[in-house]
Each structure stands twice: as C-alpha cells, then as structure tokens.
C-alpha cells in the first residue's frame, strides 16, 4: 500500500464506523481529508436512516400484530357475550318453567325425571369414560345432572363419577336439552 487515510462515520457524536481510502497517486491532501470526512458524515446519515427505517418497520409489524390480536380478542368477546346472553336467557326460561312445573309436580313427573337421569347415565356409560380417563375437556355428567334436577324435589343418587369427553360447549347443549 502506498498511502492510507481513514475518516470516521459519526452519528450524534458517536463513531459507528470508519471509511478507509488507500493507494492514491500522490499524497492525501487537507482537501481529501475534508471530503472524506464529509463523505463519512453522509454515509453515517444514510446508515442512521436505514436503522431508523428498520425500527419503524419492526414497530409497524408489532402494531399490526397487536391490532390483529385486539381484533381477535374483540371477536372472542362478542361471541362470549352472545353465548353468555343465550345461556342466561335459557337459565331464566328454565327457572320460569321450573316454577310452573313445581306447582303441579306429582309422583309420575318425578319418575320421568329419574328415567331421564338414568338415560343420561346410560349415554355416559356408552362413551366408555370413567374416572381414570377424564381429560381436560371432559364434561362431568354428575354435576350437570345435579344442576338440572336441583329445582325439583327429586333425590339424586349416583354411584360413580361419570365424564364424557368432548368440547366444553357440549355441556351447554346437554344442559339445554335437559332443560
């Protein structure tokens, strides 16, 4: 190498790199030093702009992801709200019907309720579920039946805990059918 000159690339008073020039015919001059320093400042500004654009793009992507997440949560909230309103309305209708039914409930009606419970237990037994097989999304038939017959003057005796595997929403469907 005949000759070498380095110029700093500064961003906000901090050196982030250097530019090296070499093998000039003749010696480097004060003018060369000023030009290379100005070029270093220009390159540093372009580099800072590039980093700023990368940060902006990353921020935009994060914002879009958060926006999509908020939209999904909003959709879930609306669905939950509709479901909750439906369930509350069904419960209120069930309570209203139960009050009317309790007024005139006789032994024959009690037997019908017991048979319904028996059929539900048979359905549970057909599913092959038992205590050892219960999973995260299983439905506890015993609790469901206790809730359904609670308003009636019926004694409910279950010999074992029975679970049906399935989506938790199935519990609402079974509850609606039994209600």
Foldseek 3Di string as FASTA:
>chain_A
DADKDKEFQDDPNHTPGIDMDDDDDDDDDPVNRVVRNVVSPVVSVVVVVVVVVVVVVVVVVVVVVVVVVVVVVVVVVVVVVVVVVVLVVLVVVLVVVLVVCQVDDDPVNLVVLVVVLVVVVVVLVVQVDFDVPDDPQKDWSVVLSCVLCVSPPHDDDDDGTTIHHDHNVVSVVVSSVSD
